[in-house]
Amino acid sequence: MNITDYGFNYDLIQERSIPARIISVHKGRFGIVSEFGEGFAQLKGKEYYFSGEAFPTVGDFVLIDHKSDGDSRIIKTLERKTYFSRRDPDKSRGEQSIAANFDYVFIMQSLNHDFNVKRLERYLTAARQSKAEPVIVLTKADLTDDYLPYILETSRVAEGVRTCIVSSKTGYGMNELLPYLQKGKTLVFLGSSGVGKSSLVNALAGEKIMDVNGIREDDSKGRHTTTHRELIMLKNGTMIIDTPGMRELGMWDITEGLNDAFSDIEAFANRCRFRDCRHETEPGCAVRAAIESGELDEIRFDNYRKLRTEAKYSEDSGDYRRQKEQRFKAITIGERKKRKEVY
């Protein structure tokens, strides 16, 4: 198997090390693909638990010690060109890695009760932070005859981002996605459960490769079809990273993405009289003036401020967690040194 078919193009790797790509993540175990085909691998403890190596996620390129009679050992995570993470639902764990090394982010919402502008802004912020190109995909076009309200709402919060309206059921609009389906390119799908990610994967593949669950008629919400993150290779060489439905997307390290996704608000903020303006009652606040004049939507600003607060919380908690890990590592190294001296 040629690993370059999976997007590998690093010029320099360590001698005697085998490059591989993470195609699935399970508890304590990783699905990989390398020149030896598909298999499984586990982390090499010294590199990852004591040397600070970045823990891999789906889409990562890694170096492995290949084992033909068991799980290989992952010894290094190679530099990422794009990366997406969120705050772990278990707040004690901090950051949760979602995907790496993708070219496009398909931000998916369905044209039913699931359509939510605030959630769209969240996904767009995370996509901007990842450094990949965002594409908004509005699914289930067969459920409505009037797309205009959705297009207007989307363009209001995602200026300059391409929006595609599709139906996996009827095939409507699927041709709009063809420019992104290129050999060696990787797409990541982001959307809540019931938005139609699995149906779209099947439609793009031209065959049923993922199970599809129905949705509840009262609120249009669905159960998670995907139970773990995985990379899927289509017949044409395009790769798709599917993620479990995420109705709640806790922000983590989104400073740059927030500035890009809310560039209109940032432009007004730069005109405020005071650099540390909180945009509340300060004199000369350009943001409040824009809201009062109708140039800026107050609901959009409230969501921006909420995301900014979450980003600050994540930044503070991340610093605390890193300091805690450093203290633990220092204690561990000290204890090992003492035991060695005693021995």
Protein backbone atom coordinates (compact mmCIF):
# COMPACT_ATOMS: atom_id res chain seq x y z
CA MET A 1 0.00 0.00 0.00
CA ASN A 2 1.31 3.48 -0.89
CA ILE A 3 1.02 5.86 2.07
CA THR A 4 1.14 8.85 -0.32
CA ASP A 5 -2.38 7.90 -1.41
CA TYR A 6 -3.41 8.93 2.10
CA GLY A 7 -1.91 12.40 1.71
CA PHE A 8 1.58 11.74 3.09
CA ASN A 9 4.11 14.18 1.62
CA TYR A 10 6.67 14.81 4.34
CA ASP A 11 10.17 15.16 2.89
CA LEU A 12 12.15 14.20 5.96
CA ILE A 13 11.53 11.38 8.42
CA GLN A 14 13.72 9.49 10.82
CA GLU A 15 15.70 6.58 9.47
CA ARG A 16 14.30 3.12 10.09
CA SER A 17 10.93 4.62 11.04
CA ILE A 18 7.77 3.83 9.11
CA PRO A 19 5.26 6.62 8.35
CA ALA A 20 1.60 5.85 8.97
CA ARG A 21 -1.69 7.70 9.21
CA ILE A 22 -4.22 7.40 12.03
CA ILE A 23 -7.54 6.28 10.54
CA SER A 24 -9.48 5.58 13.75
CA VAL A 25 -9.25 6.17 17.48
CA HIS A 26 -10.40 3.67 20.09
CA LYS A 27 -9.73 3.51 23.82
CA GLY A 28 -5.97 3.09 24.13
CA ARG A 29 -5.68 1.81 20.57
CA PHE A 30 -5.33 3.41 17.14
CA GLY A 31 -6.26 2.15 13.70
CA ILE A 32 -3.44 2.94 11.27
CA VAL A 33 -2.56 2.56 7.60
CA SER A 34 1.03 2.28 6.36
CA GLU A 35 3.02 0.61 3.59
CA PHE A 36 2.14 -2.67 5.31
CA GLY A 37 -1.59 -2.03 4.96
CA GLU A 38 -4.12 -1.45 7.72
CA GLY A 39 -3.47 -2.47 11.31
CA PHE A 40 -3.49 -1.29 14.90
CA ALA A 41 -0.98 0.49 17.08
CA GLN A 42 -0.49 1.71 20.61
CA LEU A 43 1.50 4.60 22.00
CA LYS A 44 5.08 4.09 23.10
CA GLY A 45 4.91 5.16 26.73
CA LYS A 46 8.26 6.90 27.07
CA GLU A 47 7.70 9.29 24.17
CA TYR A 48 4.10 10.16 24.96
CA TYR A 49 3.80 10.04 28.73
CA PHE A 50 7.21 11.40 29.71
CA SER A 51 8.65 13.31 26.72
CA GLY A 52 5.65 15.49 25.91
CA GLU A 53 4.91 14.14 22.43
CA ALA A 54 1.53 15.34 21.09
CA PHE A 55 -1.08 12.60 21.44
CA PRO A 56 -2.31 11.59 17.96
CA THR A 57 -5.83 11.88 16.67
CA VAL A 58 -7.65 10.86 13.47
CA GLY A 59 -5.82 12.20 10.41
CA ASP A 60 -2.44 12.52 12.11
CA PHE A 61 0.68 11.30 10.37
CA VAL A 62 2.91 9.40 12.77
CA LEU A 63 6.07 7.35 12.81
CA ILE A 64 5.82 3.75 13.99
CA ASP A 65 7.87 0.74 14.95
CA HIS A 66 6.08 -1.82 12.81
CA LYS A 67 5.14 -5.18 14.32
CA SER A 68 3.88 -7.88 12.00
CA ASP A 69 2.69 -10.15 14.83
CA GLY A 70 0.83 -7.61 16.98
CA ASP A 71 0.13 -3.94 17.57
CA SER A 72 2.79 -1.58 16.26
CA ARG A 73 4.21 1.18 18.47
CA ILE A 74 3.64 4.86 17.69
CA ILE A 75 6.83 6.76 18.50
CA LYS A 76 6.23 10.25 17.09
CA THR A 77 3.43 12.54 15.91
CA LEU A 78 4.52 14.53 12.85
CA GLU A 79 3.83 18.23 12.48
CA ARG A 80 0.21 19.04 11.65
CA LYS A 81 -0.82 21.37 8.84
CA THR A 82 -4.36 21.75 10.20
CA TYR A 83 -5.88 20.77 13.53
CA PHE A 84 -9.26 20.86 15.23
CA SER A 85 -10.05 20.35 18.91
CA ARG A 86 -12.69 21.22 21.47
CA ARG A 87 -13.04 21.40 25.23
CA ASP A 88 -13.54 17.86 26.52
CA PRO A 89 -17.09 17.25 27.82
CA ASP A 90 -15.29 15.92 30.91
CA LYS A 91 -13.98 19.32 32.02
CA SER A 92 -11.27 17.77 34.17
CA ARG A 93 -9.50 16.53 31.02
CA GLY A 94 -9.12 19.87 29.25
CA GLU A 95 -8.63 19.67 25.49
CA GLN A 96 -10.05 16.89 23.29
CA SER A 97 -8.39 16.38 19.89
CA ILE A 98 -10.86 15.78 17.07
CA ALA A 99 -9.03 15.69 13.73
CA ALA A 100 -5.79 16.71 12.00
CA ASN A 101 -4.34 17.26 8.52
CA PHE A 102 -7.52 18.00 6.60
CA ASP A 103 -8.02 20.37 3.68
CA TYR A 104 -11.68 21.33 3.99
CA VAL A 105 -14.16 21.59 6.88
CA PHE A 106 -17.74 20.78 5.91
CA ILE A 107 -19.86 22.64 8.47
CA MET A 108 -23.18 20.86 8.26
CA GLN A 109 -26.65 21.94 9.30
CA SER A 110 -29.95 20.58 8.06
CA LEU A 111 -32.84 22.59 6.66
CA ASN A 112 -35.22 21.65 9.47
CA HIS A 113 -35.40 22.37 13.21
CA ASP A 114 -31.68 21.65 13.53
CA PHE A 115 -30.70 24.89 11.77
CA ASN A 116 -29.12 27.11 14.41
CA VAL A 117 -27.19 30.31 13.67
CA LYS A 118 -25.36 30.39 17.00
CA ARG A 119 -24.13 26.82 16.52
CA LEU A 120 -23.09 27.72 12.98
CA GLU A 121 -20.98 30.58 14.36
CA ARG A 122 -19.34 28.17 16.81
CA TYR A 123 -18.40 25.69 14.10
CA LEU A 124 -17.20 28.48 11.83
CA THR A 125 -14.96 29.83 14.59
CA ALA A 126 -13.43 26.39 15.17
CA ALA A 127 -12.99 25.88 11.41
CA ARG A 128 -11.21 29.21 11.04
CA GLN A 129 -8.91 28.30 13.92
CA SER A 130 -8.02 25.00 12.25
CA LYS A 131 -6.47 26.82 9.23
CA ALA A 132 -8.47 24.71 6.75
CA GLU A 133 -11.01 26.09 4.28
CA PRO A 134 -14.58 26.08 5.67
CA VAL A 135 -17.54 25.12 3.50
CA ILE A 136 -21.09 25.38 4.80
CA VAL A 137 -23.26 22.46 3.70
CA LEU A 138 -27.00 22.78 4.31
CA THR A 139 -28.44 19.28 4.10
CA LYS A 140 -31.93 17.81 3.61
CA ALA A 141 -32.92 20.27 0.91
CA ASP A 142 -35.87 17.99 0.16
CA LEU A 143 -37.55 19.14 3.38
CA THR A 144 -38.23 22.71 2.22
CA ASP A 145 -39.06 24.64 -0.94
CA ASP A 146 -37.85 28.00 0.36
CA TYR A 147 -34.08 28.22 0.79
CA LEU A 148 -33.87 32.02 0.86
CA PRO A 149 -34.27 32.53 4.65
CA TYR A 150 -31.50 30.01 5.33
CA ILE A 151 -29.21 31.57 2.73
CA LEU A 152 -29.73 35.05 4.18
CA GLU A 153 -29.05 33.88 7.73
CA THR A 154 -25.94 31.99 6.65
CA SER A 155 -24.52 34.86 4.59
CA ARG A 156 -25.09 37.23 7.53
CA VAL A 157 -22.71 35.30 9.81
CA ALA A 158 -20.39 33.68 7.25
CA GLU A 159 -19.49 36.32 4.71
CA GLY A 160 -17.13 34.99 2.05
CA VAL A 161 -17.71 31.32 2.94
CA ARG A 162 -19.22 29.15 0.22
CA THR A 163 -22.62 27.67 1.05
CA CYS A 164 -23.89 24.52 -0.67
CA ILE A 165 -27.49 23.33 -0.41
CA VAL A 166 -27.79 19.58 -0.94
CA SER A 167 -30.06 16.60 -0.53
CA SER A 168 -28.51 13.17 -0.10
CA LYS A 169 -31.95 11.68 -0.72
CA THR A 170 -32.71 13.29 -4.10
CA GLY A 171 -29.19 14.19 -5.22
CA TYR A 172 -30.03 17.88 -5.39
CA GLY A 173 -26.94 20.13 -5.27
CA MET A 174 -24.43 17.28 -4.97
CA ASN A 175 -22.51 18.58 -8.01
CA GLU A 176 -21.58 21.64 -5.95
CA LEU A 177 -19.38 19.42 -3.78
CA LEU A 178 -17.41 17.89 -6.66
CA PRO A 179 -14.57 20.50 -6.56
CA TYR A 180 -13.70 19.28 -3.06
CA LEU A 181 -13.67 15.57 -3.94
CA GLN A 182 -10.09 15.23 -5.11
CA LYS A 183 -7.64 12.37 -4.73
CA GLY A 184 -5.37 12.86 -1.74
CA LYS A 185 -7.58 15.57 -0.19
CA THR A 186 -9.14 15.14 3.25
CA LEU A 187 -12.50 16.52 4.38
CA VAL A 188 -13.72 16.71 7.96
CA PHE A 189 -17.46 16.70 8.68
CA LEU A 190 -18.70 18.78 11.62
CA GLY A 191 -22.31 18.75 12.68
CA SER A 192 -24.73 17.66 15.36
CA SER A 193 -26.40 14.26 15.44
CA GLY A 194 -29.21 13.90 12.93
CA VAL A 195 -27.78 16.46 10.51
CA GLY A 196 -27.21 13.82 7.84
CA LYS A 197 -23.44 13.26 7.90
CA SER A 198 -23.67 9.50 7.36
CA SER A 199 -26.20 9.94 4.55
CA LEU A 200 -23.90 12.42 2.83
CA VAL A 201 -20.92 10.07 3.16
CA ASN A 202 -22.94 7.32 1.52
CA ALA A 203 -24.11 9.66 -1.25
CA LEU A 204 -20.56 10.83 -1.99
CA ALA A 205 -19.28 7.25 -1.93
CA GLY A 206 -22.03 6.00 -4.23
CA GLU A 207 -22.63 3.07 -1.89
CA LYS A 208 -23.73 2.37 1.67
CA ILE A 209 -20.63 2.42 3.81
CA MET A 210 -22.17 3.92 6.96
CA ASP A 211 -25.34 3.12 8.88
CA VAL A 212 -28.02 5.82 8.93
CA ASN A 213 -30.36 6.39 11.86
CA GLY A 214 -33.67 8.18 11.65
CA ILE A 215 -34.56 11.34 13.55
CA ARG A 216 -37.35 12.19 15.97
CA GLU A 217 -40.20 13.95 14.23
CA ASP A 218 -40.98 16.29 17.14
CA ASP A 219 -37.61 18.09 17.26
CA SER A 220 -35.65 16.71 14.25
CA LYS A 221 -32.87 15.49 16.53
CA GLY A 222 -31.11 12.18 15.98
CA ARG A 223 -28.94 9.73 17.83
CA HIS A 224 -25.25 9.40 17.19
CA THR A 225 -24.66 7.13 14.20
CA THR A 226 -20.89 7.46 14.40
CA THR A 227 -19.58 6.22 17.76
CA HIS A 228 -15.90 6.99 17.20
CA ARG A 229 -13.83 9.22 14.96
CA GLU A 230 -12.61 7.57 11.79
CA LEU A 231 -11.09 8.34 8.39
CA ILE A 232 -12.88 6.87 5.39
CA MET A 233 -11.25 6.44 1.98
CA LEU A 234 -13.61 6.82 -0.99
CA LYS A 235 -13.04 4.99 -4.26
CA ASN A 236 -11.87 8.19 -5.98
CA GLY A 237 -9.13 8.73 -3.38
CA THR A 238 -10.89 11.43 -1.34
CA MET A 239 -10.75 10.92 2.42
CA ILE A 240 -13.47 11.90 4.87
CA ILE A 241 -13.04 12.23 8.63
CA ASP A 242 -16.41 11.63 10.25
CA THR A 243 -16.94 12.65 13.86
CA PRO A 244 -19.62 11.74 16.39
CA GLY A 245 -22.43 14.31 16.39
CA MET A 246 -21.48 17.26 18.57
CA ARG A 247 -24.48 19.35 19.59
CA GLU A 248 -22.29 21.07 22.18
CA LEU A 249 -18.95 22.36 20.92
CA GLY A 250 -16.93 23.69 23.83
CA MET A 251 -14.38 26.22 22.65
CA TRP A 252 -10.64 25.57 23.11
CA ASP A 253 -7.81 27.81 21.85
CA ILE A 254 -9.85 29.77 19.30
CA THR A 255 -8.31 33.24 19.48
CA GLU A 256 -7.37 33.43 15.79
CA GLY A 257 -10.53 31.67 14.64
CA LEU A 258 -12.69 34.05 16.66
CA ASN A 259 -11.03 37.07 15.10
CA ASP A 260 -11.59 35.65 11.60
CA ALA A 261 -15.17 34.46 12.14
CA PHE A 262 -16.20 37.78 13.72
CA SER A 263 -14.02 40.13 11.70
CA ASP A 264 -16.87 42.65 11.48
CA ILE A 265 -17.00 42.99 15.27
CA GLU A 266 -13.22 43.12 15.52
CA ALA A 267 -13.21 45.99 13.01
CA PHE A 268 -15.55 48.03 15.19
CA ALA A 269 -13.64 47.10 18.36
CA ASN A 270 -10.44 48.50 16.86
CA ARG A 271 -12.14 51.90 16.63
CA CYS A 272 -12.99 52.08 20.35
CA ARG A 273 -11.42 54.94 22.29
CA PHE A 274 -9.88 52.59 24.86
CA ARG A 275 -7.87 49.51 23.91
CA ASP A 276 -9.26 47.55 26.88
CA CYS A 277 -12.85 48.54 26.13
CA ARG A 278 -15.38 45.97 27.40
CA HIS A 279 -18.07 47.32 25.06
CA GLU A 280 -20.49 48.03 27.90
CA THR A 281 -20.75 51.62 29.15
CA GLU A 282 -17.33 53.01 28.24
CA PRO A 283 -17.32 56.38 26.41
CA GLY A 284 -16.24 56.24 22.79
CA CYS A 285 -17.19 52.56 22.33
CA ALA A 286 -17.52 51.98 18.61
CA VAL A 287 -19.14 48.57 19.13
CA ARG A 288 -22.05 49.92 21.19
CA ALA A 289 -22.46 52.76 18.70
CA ALA A 290 -22.66 50.26 15.82
CA ILE A 291 -25.30 48.23 17.67
CA GLU A 292 -27.39 51.33 18.39
CA SER A 293 -27.17 52.47 14.76
CA GLY A 294 -28.14 49.03 13.46
CA GLU A 295 -24.81 48.41 11.72
CA LEU A 296 -24.10 45.51 14.07
CA ASP A 297 -26.53 42.82 15.21
CA GLU A 298 -26.72 42.69 19.00
CA ILE A 299 -27.54 38.98 19.08
CA ARG A 300 -24.43 38.26 17.02
CA PHE A 301 -22.37 40.42 19.37
CA ASP A 302 -23.75 38.58 22.43
CA ASN A 303 -22.72 35.25 20.91
CA TYR A 304 -19.27 36.68 20.12
CA ARG A 305 -18.87 37.83 23.72
CA LYS A 306 -19.96 34.42 25.01
CA LEU A 307 -17.42 32.64 22.80
CA ARG A 308 -14.73 35.10 23.86
CA THR A 309 -15.49 34.30 27.51
CA GLU A 310 -15.28 30.55 26.79
CA ALA A 311 -11.95 31.06 25.02
CA LYS A 312 -10.56 32.92 28.03
CA TYR A 313 -11.79 30.18 30.37
CA SER A 314 -10.19 27.48 28.23
CA GLU A 315 -6.94 29.43 28.03
CA ASP A 316 -6.80 29.85 31.82
CA SER A 317 -7.75 26.22 32.55
CA GLY A 318 -5.28 25.00 29.92
CA ASP A 319 -2.44 26.93 31.55
CA TYR A 320 -3.40 25.50 34.94
CA ARG A 321 -3.50 21.96 33.55
CA ARG A 322 -0.12 22.33 31.85
CA GLN A 323 1.45 23.65 35.06
CA LYS A 324 -0.08 20.75 36.97
CA GLU A 325 1.32 18.24 34.45
CA GLN A 326 4.77 19.83 34.67
CA ARG A 327 4.71 19.58 38.48
CA PHE A 328 3.61 15.93 38.25
CA LYS A 329 6.34 15.16 35.71
CA ALA A 330 8.97 16.79 37.94
CA ILE A 331 7.80 14.74 40.92
CA THR A 332 7.81 11.53 38.85
CA ILE A 333 11.34 12.15 37.56
CA GLY A 334 12.50 12.92 41.11
CA GLU A 335 10.99 9.72 42.49
CA ARG A 336 12.58 7.63 39.73
CA LYS A 337 15.95 9.25 40.45
CA LYS A 338 15.62 8.46 44.16
CA ARG A 339 14.73 4.82 43.47
CA LYS A 340 17.71 4.52 41.13
CA GLU A 341 20.07 5.95 43.79
CA VAL A 342 18.68 3.58 46.42
CA TYR A 343 19.07 0.63 44.04
